Each structure stands twice: as structure tokens, then as C-alpha cells.
Amino acid sequence: MSEHEKMVKIIRFALVKIGCKINHLGFQYLCYAVELVILNPKAIHSLLKEVYQKISDEFHVGNRMTVHSSIRNVIEETYETGSFLELNNMFKMELYTLDDKPTCGEIIGLLAEYYTLKLYKNEEIFKDFD
């Protein structure tokens, strides 16, 4: 398995773990957004102009606002199920409570850090990665 394939697998696992539903188109956009930020950490500061535009181009979506809306919908649905509390377990600290609703940028940034800091190594499924 290539490094890129491993990265995508880890990102997808993390999104499922926090409760994001894979049947939403925004799930694919969110995966790619995290990937882009991992590859270029400065991109987190220009989500709309850089990251969402690249996603729009890659997936042949009408525009970057459509991408943002799709990602936001996935995050809002996940928030409604209370699943973001799993982020606390993944990072071993309290990041969110049931009343906290993370932004798209926060989720993208946290999942990029989850990968970059190799926190996935704490997951049994990834013990042998690297």
C-alpha cells in the first residue's frame, strides 16, 4: 500500500469514527479537504479560496460554495448525533462538549493534525502502519 493510500485510509477511518456518514457527497469533499491540508498545512488559512476551489475543480462541482455547503451539512448532521465527543478520545483531551459545534475549518484542521501527529497509532487497526 502506498503512503497516499495509507493517508486516505486513515482520514476515512477518522471521519467514520467521529460519526460522519459516508453516504453524503460532502464526506468525499471532507476527506479530500483533510488530505489537501495535510499536504499543505498553510492551506487551512485559505479554505474557501484554495482548498474548496481545488475540491470544486477535482470533483467538477459548480463552485466552491457548493463544496463548503456539502461539507457543512456533513458536519452539522454529525454534530446533531453528538459524535464529535469522539474527538476528545482521539486527542486524549476535552476539545468539545455536547454543546460545542465545530466549524468546517476546525474539523479539517483537527483531522489533519490527527494524521500529522500520528495519533492514529493509538488505534488497534493501525498499529502496524509505517
N, C-alpha and C. Protein backbone atom coordinates (compact mmCIF):
# COMPACT_ATOMS: atom_id res chain seq x y z
N MET A 1 0.86 -1.18 0.00
CA MET A 1 0.00 0.00 0.00
C MET A 1 0.90 1.24 0.00
N SER A 2 0.59 2.19 -0.86
CA SER A 2 1.39 3.42 -0.95
C SER A 2 1.12 4.33 0.25
N GLU A 3 1.99 5.30 0.45
CA GLU A 3 1.81 6.27 1.54
C GLU A 3 0.50 7.05 1.36
N HIS A 4 0.20 7.39 0.12
CA HIS A 4 -1.03 8.12 -0.16
C HIS A 4 -2.25 7.27 0.19
N GLU A 5 -2.24 6.02 -0.18
CA GLU A 5 -3.35 5.12 0.15
C GLU A 5 -3.52 4.97 1.65
N LYS A 6 -2.41 4.89 2.38
CA LYS A 6 -2.47 4.82 3.84
C LYS A 6 -3.10 6.09 4.42
N MET A 7 -2.67 7.24 3.90
CA MET A 7 -3.20 8.51 4.38
C MET A 7 -4.71 8.58 4.17
N VAL A 8 -5.17 8.22 3.00
CA VAL A 8 -6.60 8.26 2.69
C VAL A 8 -7.36 7.30 3.61
N LYS A 9 -6.82 6.13 3.83
CA LYS A 9 -7.47 5.15 4.71
C LYS A 9 -7.60 5.70 6.14
N ILE A 10 -6.55 6.33 6.63
CA ILE A 10 -6.57 6.89 7.98
C ILE A 10 -7.57 8.04 8.08
N ILE A 11 -7.62 8.90 7.08
CA ILE A 11 -8.57 10.02 7.07
C ILE A 11 -10.00 9.48 7.08
N ARG A 12 -10.28 8.53 6.21
CA ARG A 12 -11.63 7.97 6.14
C ARG A 12 -12.03 7.30 7.45
N PHE A 13 -11.11 6.57 8.05
CA PHE A 13 -11.36 5.92 9.34
C PHE A 13 -11.70 6.97 10.39
N ALA A 14 -10.92 8.03 10.45
CA ALA A 14 -11.14 9.08 11.46
C ALA A 14 -12.51 9.72 11.27
N LEU A 15 -12.90 9.99 10.04
CA LEU A 15 -14.21 10.59 9.78
C LEU A 15 -15.35 9.67 10.18
N VAL A 16 -15.21 8.39 9.87
CA VAL A 16 -16.24 7.43 10.28
C VAL A 16 -16.28 7.32 11.80
N LYS A 17 -15.11 7.31 12.41
CA LYS A 17 -15.03 7.19 13.87
C LYS A 17 -15.74 8.34 14.58
N ILE A 18 -15.65 9.54 14.03
CA ILE A 18 -16.33 10.67 14.69
C ILE A 18 -17.80 10.75 14.30
N GLY A 19 -18.24 9.86 13.42
CA GLY A 19 -19.66 9.78 13.13
C GLY A 19 -20.11 10.36 11.81
N CYS A 20 -19.21 10.76 10.95
CA CYS A 20 -19.61 11.29 9.65
C CYS A 20 -20.18 10.16 8.79
N LYS A 21 -21.27 10.44 8.15
CA LYS A 21 -21.94 9.44 7.31
C LYS A 21 -21.32 9.41 5.92
N ILE A 22 -20.95 8.21 5.49
CA ILE A 22 -20.24 8.08 4.21
C ILE A 22 -21.15 8.24 3.00
N ASN A 23 -22.45 8.23 3.21
CA ASN A 23 -23.37 8.32 2.07
C ASN A 23 -23.61 9.76 1.62
N HIS A 24 -22.98 10.72 2.24
CA HIS A 24 -23.09 12.11 1.82
C HIS A 24 -21.95 12.47 0.87
N LEU A 25 -22.26 13.21 -0.15
CA LEU A 25 -21.23 13.67 -1.07
C LEU A 25 -20.19 14.51 -0.32
N GLY A 26 -20.65 15.25 0.66
CA GLY A 26 -19.75 16.07 1.46
C GLY A 26 -18.69 15.27 2.18
N PHE A 27 -18.94 13.99 2.44
CA PHE A 27 -17.95 13.12 3.06
C PHE A 27 -16.70 13.04 2.19
N GLN A 28 -16.91 12.83 0.88
CA GLN A 28 -15.78 12.77 -0.05
C GLN A 28 -15.02 14.09 -0.10
N TYR A 29 -15.77 15.19 -0.09
CA TYR A 29 -15.14 16.50 -0.11
C TYR A 29 -14.32 16.73 1.17
N LEU A 30 -14.88 16.31 2.29
CA LEU A 30 -14.20 16.48 3.57
C LEU A 30 -12.92 15.66 3.62
N CYS A 31 -12.97 14.43 3.12
CA CYS A 31 -11.77 13.60 3.04
C CYS A 31 -10.68 14.30 2.23
N TYR A 32 -11.07 14.83 1.08
CA TYR A 32 -10.10 15.47 0.21
C TYR A 32 -9.59 16.77 0.83
N ALA A 33 -10.44 17.49 1.53
CA ALA A 33 -10.02 18.72 2.20
C ALA A 33 -8.95 18.42 3.24
N VAL A 34 -9.17 17.38 4.03
CA VAL A 34 -8.17 17.00 5.05
C VAL A 34 -6.86 16.61 4.36
N GLU A 35 -6.97 15.85 3.30
CA GLU A 35 -5.78 15.45 2.54
C GLU A 35 -5.00 16.67 2.05
N LEU A 36 -5.71 17.64 1.48
CA LEU A 36 -5.04 18.84 0.97
C LEU A 36 -4.34 19.62 2.08
N VAL A 37 -4.95 19.68 3.24
CA VAL A 37 -4.35 20.41 4.37
C VAL A 37 -3.16 19.64 4.93
N ILE A 38 -3.22 18.32 4.92
CA ILE A 38 -2.06 17.54 5.35
C ILE A 38 -0.88 17.82 4.42
N LEU A 39 -1.14 17.85 3.14
CA LEU A 39 -0.08 18.07 2.15
C LEU A 39 0.43 19.51 2.13
N ASN A 40 -0.44 20.45 2.53
CA ASN A 40 -0.06 21.86 2.58
C ASN A 40 -0.72 22.50 3.81
N PRO A 41 -0.09 22.41 4.98
CA PRO A 41 -0.70 22.90 6.22
C PRO A 41 -1.13 24.37 6.18
N LYS A 42 -0.47 25.19 5.40
CA LYS A 42 -0.85 26.61 5.31
C LYS A 42 -2.21 26.80 4.66
N ALA A 43 -2.66 25.79 3.93
CA ALA A 43 -3.94 25.87 3.23
C ALA A 43 -5.12 25.99 4.19
N ILE A 44 -4.93 25.60 5.45
CA ILE A 44 -6.01 25.71 6.44
C ILE A 44 -6.46 27.16 6.60
N HIS A 45 -5.58 28.09 6.26
CA HIS A 45 -5.89 29.52 6.40
C HIS A 45 -6.59 30.09 5.17
N SER A 46 -6.75 29.27 4.14
CA SER A 46 -7.46 29.75 2.95
C SER A 46 -8.36 28.63 2.41
N LEU A 47 -9.24 28.17 3.28
CA LEU A 47 -10.12 27.06 2.90
C LEU A 47 -10.96 27.40 1.67
N LEU A 48 -11.63 28.52 1.71
CA LEU A 48 -12.56 28.85 0.64
C LEU A 48 -11.83 29.07 -0.69
N LYS A 49 -10.79 29.87 -0.67
CA LYS A 49 -10.11 30.22 -1.92
C LYS A 49 -9.24 29.10 -2.46
N GLU A 50 -8.60 28.36 -1.58
CA GLU A 50 -7.65 27.36 -2.04
C GLU A 50 -8.21 25.94 -1.97
N VAL A 51 -8.54 25.49 -0.78
CA VAL A 51 -8.96 24.09 -0.58
C VAL A 51 -10.28 23.81 -1.28
N TYR A 52 -11.30 24.60 -0.98
CA TYR A 52 -12.62 24.33 -1.58
C TYR A 52 -12.59 24.52 -3.09
N GLN A 53 -11.77 25.44 -3.57
CA GLN A 53 -11.66 25.62 -5.01
C GLN A 53 -11.02 24.39 -5.67
N LYS A 54 -9.99 23.82 -5.04
CA LYS A 54 -9.37 22.61 -5.58
C LYS A 54 -10.34 21.44 -5.57
N ILE A 55 -11.14 21.35 -4.51
CA ILE A 55 -12.15 20.28 -4.45
C ILE A 55 -13.17 20.47 -5.55
N SER A 56 -13.61 21.70 -5.74
CA SER A 56 -14.57 22.03 -6.79
C SER A 56 -14.03 21.61 -8.16
N ASP A 57 -12.77 21.91 -8.40
CA ASP A 57 -12.13 21.55 -9.67
C ASP A 57 -12.00 20.02 -9.81
N GLU A 58 -11.55 19.37 -8.75
CA GLU A 58 -11.31 17.92 -8.79
C GLU A 58 -12.60 17.13 -9.02
N PHE A 59 -13.68 17.55 -8.35
CA PHE A 59 -14.94 16.82 -8.43
C PHE A 59 -15.92 17.41 -9.44
N HIS A 60 -15.48 18.44 -10.16
CA HIS A 60 -16.31 19.08 -11.19
C HIS A 60 -17.63 19.57 -10.60
N VAL A 61 -17.51 20.25 -9.46
CA VAL A 61 -18.67 20.81 -8.76
C VAL A 61 -18.85 22.24 -9.25
N GLY A 62 -20.06 22.73 -9.22
CA GLY A 62 -20.36 24.07 -9.71
C GLY A 62 -19.43 25.16 -9.19
N ASN A 63 -19.25 25.23 -7.87
CA ASN A 63 -18.38 26.25 -7.31
C ASN A 63 -17.97 25.87 -5.90
N ARG A 64 -17.07 26.66 -5.34
CA ARG A 64 -16.52 26.34 -4.02
C ARG A 64 -17.54 26.51 -2.90
N MET A 65 -18.56 27.33 -3.10
CA MET A 65 -19.60 27.49 -2.08
C MET A 65 -20.44 26.21 -1.97
N THR A 66 -20.62 25.51 -3.08
CA THR A 66 -21.32 24.23 -3.06
C THR A 66 -20.52 23.22 -2.24
N VAL A 67 -19.21 23.23 -2.41
CA VAL A 67 -18.33 22.36 -1.63
C VAL A 67 -18.46 22.68 -0.15
N HIS A 68 -18.38 23.96 0.18
CA HIS A 68 -18.49 24.38 1.58
C HIS A 68 -19.82 23.94 2.18
N SER A 69 -20.88 24.13 1.45
CA SER A 69 -22.22 23.75 1.92
C SER A 69 -22.31 22.25 2.16
N SER A 70 -21.76 21.46 1.26
CA SER A 70 -21.80 20.00 1.40
C SER A 70 -21.01 19.54 2.62
N ILE A 71 -19.84 20.13 2.82
CA ILE A 71 -19.02 19.78 4.00
C ILE A 71 -19.74 20.22 5.27
N ARG A 72 -20.29 21.42 5.26
CA ARG A 72 -21.00 21.92 6.44
C ARG A 72 -22.19 21.01 6.78
N ASN A 73 -22.90 20.52 5.77
CA ASN A 73 -24.04 19.62 6.02
C ASN A 73 -23.60 18.33 6.72
N VAL A 74 -22.49 17.76 6.29
CA VAL A 74 -21.97 16.55 6.94
C VAL A 74 -21.62 16.84 8.38
N ILE A 75 -20.97 17.97 8.62
CA ILE A 75 -20.56 18.34 9.98
C ILE A 75 -21.77 18.61 10.86
N GLU A 76 -22.76 19.30 10.32
CA GLU A 76 -23.97 19.58 11.11
C GLU A 76 -24.71 18.30 11.47
N GLU A 77 -24.82 17.38 10.54
CA GLU A 77 -25.50 16.11 10.84
C GLU A 77 -24.71 15.33 11.89
N THR A 78 -23.41 15.35 11.80
CA THR A 78 -22.59 14.66 12.79
C THR A 78 -22.74 15.31 14.15
N TYR A 79 -22.80 16.63 14.18
CA TYR A 79 -22.99 17.35 15.43
C TYR A 79 -24.32 16.96 16.09
N GLU A 80 -25.36 16.84 15.29
CA GLU A 80 -26.68 16.51 15.83
C GLU A 80 -26.71 15.13 16.51
N THR A 81 -25.82 14.24 16.12
CA THR A 81 -25.76 12.91 16.75
C THR A 81 -24.85 12.90 17.97
N GLY A 82 -24.17 14.00 18.24
CA GLY A 82 -23.27 14.07 19.40
C GLY A 82 -21.96 13.33 19.20
N SER A 83 -21.65 12.99 17.97
CA SER A 83 -20.47 12.17 17.69
C SER A 83 -19.14 12.89 17.84
N PHE A 84 -19.13 14.20 17.86
CA PHE A 84 -17.86 14.91 17.94
C PHE A 84 -17.15 14.69 19.27
N LEU A 85 -17.87 14.16 20.25
CA LEU A 85 -17.22 13.84 21.52
C LEU A 85 -16.12 12.80 21.32
N GLU A 86 -16.21 12.02 20.26
CA GLU A 86 -15.16 11.03 19.96
C GLU A 86 -13.83 11.71 19.68
N LEU A 87 -13.86 12.96 19.21
CA LEU A 87 -12.61 13.70 19.02
C LEU A 87 -11.84 13.83 20.33
N ASN A 88 -12.56 13.96 21.43
CA ASN A 88 -11.91 14.03 22.74
C ASN A 88 -11.09 12.76 23.00
N ASN A 89 -11.66 11.61 22.67
CA ASN A 89 -10.94 10.35 22.85
C ASN A 89 -9.75 10.25 21.91
N MET A 90 -9.93 10.69 20.68
CA MET A 90 -8.85 10.60 19.70
C MET A 90 -7.65 11.46 20.09
N PHE A 91 -7.92 12.60 20.73
CA PHE A 91 -6.84 13.53 21.11
C PHE A 91 -6.47 13.44 22.59
N LYS A 92 -7.18 12.59 23.33
CA LYS A 92 -6.92 12.39 24.76
C LYS A 92 -7.01 13.68 25.56
N MET A 93 -7.97 14.53 25.18
CA MET A 93 -8.23 15.77 25.91
C MET A 93 -9.63 16.26 25.55
N GLU A 94 -10.17 17.13 26.37
CA GLU A 94 -11.51 17.65 26.09
C GLU A 94 -11.42 18.80 25.10
N LEU A 95 -11.87 18.53 23.90
CA LEU A 95 -11.93 19.54 22.84
C LEU A 95 -13.35 20.06 22.69
N TYR A 96 -14.32 19.16 22.85
CA TYR A 96 -15.72 19.51 22.61
C TYR A 96 -16.62 18.92 23.69
N THR A 97 -17.72 19.63 23.95
CA THR A 97 -18.79 19.10 24.79
C THR A 97 -20.00 18.92 23.88
N LEU A 98 -21.08 18.43 24.42
CA LEU A 98 -22.29 18.24 23.60
C LEU A 98 -22.81 19.55 23.03
N ASP A 99 -22.50 20.67 23.68
CA ASP A 99 -22.99 21.98 23.22
C ASP A 99 -22.08 22.64 22.18
N ASP A 100 -20.90 22.10 21.97
CA ASP A 100 -19.94 22.70 21.04
C ASP A 100 -20.14 22.17 19.63
N LYS A 101 -20.27 23.11 18.71
CA LYS A 101 -20.40 22.73 17.30
C LYS A 101 -19.17 23.24 16.56
N PRO A 102 -18.30 22.34 16.14
CA PRO A 102 -17.08 22.77 15.46
C PRO A 102 -17.38 23.31 14.06
N THR A 103 -16.51 24.18 13.62
CA THR A 103 -16.62 24.71 12.26
C THR A 103 -15.99 23.72 11.28
N CYS A 104 -16.21 23.95 10.01
CA CYS A 104 -15.59 23.12 8.99
C CYS A 104 -14.07 23.17 9.12
N GLY A 105 -13.54 24.37 9.30
CA GLY A 105 -12.10 24.54 9.43
C GLY A 105 -11.53 23.82 10.64
N GLU A 106 -12.26 23.83 11.75
CA GLU A 106 -11.79 23.14 12.95
C GLU A 106 -11.70 21.64 12.71
N ILE A 107 -12.71 21.07 12.10
CA ILE A 107 -12.71 19.63 11.84
C ILE A 107 -11.60 19.27 10.86
N ILE A 108 -11.48 20.02 9.79
CA ILE A 108 -10.43 19.76 8.80
C ILE A 108 -9.05 19.85 9.46
N GLY A 109 -8.84 20.91 10.24
CA GLY A 109 -7.56 21.10 10.91
C GLY A 109 -7.26 20.02 11.93
N LEU A 110 -8.25 19.65 12.73
CA LEU A 110 -8.04 18.61 13.74
C LEU A 110 -7.73 17.26 13.10
N LEU A 111 -8.43 16.91 12.04
CA LEU A 111 -8.18 15.62 11.40
C LEU A 111 -6.83 15.61 10.68
N ALA A 112 -6.42 16.76 10.17
CA ALA A 112 -5.08 16.85 9.59
C ALA A 112 -4.02 16.64 10.68
N GLU A 113 -4.25 17.23 11.84
CA GLU A 113 -3.32 17.04 12.97
C GLU A 113 -3.33 15.61 13.48
N TYR A 114 -4.49 14.98 13.50
CA TYR A 114 -4.61 13.58 13.90
C TYR A 114 -3.66 12.72 13.07
N TYR A 115 -3.62 13.01 11.78
CA TYR A 115 -2.72 12.28 10.88
C TYR A 115 -1.27 12.71 11.08
N THR A 116 -1.03 14.00 11.06
CA THR A 116 0.33 14.52 11.15
C THR A 116 1.03 14.11 12.45
N LEU A 117 0.30 14.15 13.55
CA LEU A 117 0.86 13.78 14.85
C LEU A 117 0.87 12.27 15.07
N LYS A 118 0.39 11.54 14.07
CA LYS A 118 0.34 10.07 14.12
C LYS A 118 -0.46 9.55 15.30
N LEU A 119 -1.51 10.25 15.67
CA LEU A 119 -2.37 9.81 16.75
C LEU A 119 -3.13 8.55 16.39
N TYR A 120 -3.23 8.28 15.10
CA TYR A 120 -3.88 7.05 14.65
C TYR A 120 -3.14 5.81 15.14
N LYS A 121 -1.89 5.96 15.53
CA LYS A 121 -1.10 4.84 16.04
C LYS A 121 -1.73 4.26 17.31
N ASN A 122 -2.57 5.06 17.99
CA ASN A 122 -3.25 4.57 19.18
C ASN A 122 -4.40 3.63 18.85
N GLU A 123 -4.77 3.56 17.57
CA GLU A 123 -5.87 2.71 17.14
C GLU A 123 -5.32 1.33 16.79
N GLU A 124 -5.95 0.32 17.29
CA GLU A 124 -5.50 -1.06 17.07
C GLU A 124 -5.37 -1.38 15.58
N ILE A 125 -6.30 -0.88 14.79
CA ILE A 125 -6.31 -1.17 13.35
C ILE A 125 -5.06 -0.65 12.64
N PHE A 126 -4.41 0.38 13.19
CA PHE A 126 -3.25 0.98 12.54
C PHE A 126 -1.93 0.71 13.25
N LYS A 127 -1.90 -0.22 14.16
CA LYS A 127 -0.68 -0.50 14.95
C LYS A 127 0.53 -0.79 14.07
N ASP A 128 0.33 -1.43 12.92
CA ASP A 128 1.45 -1.81 12.08
C ASP A 128 1.74 -0.82 10.95
N PHE A 129 1.08 0.32 10.93
CA PHE A 129 1.34 1.31 9.88
C PHE A 129 2.72 1.93 10.09
N ASP A 130 3.35 2.30 9.00
CA ASP A 130 4.68 2.94 8.93
C ASP A 130 5.74 1.94 9.07
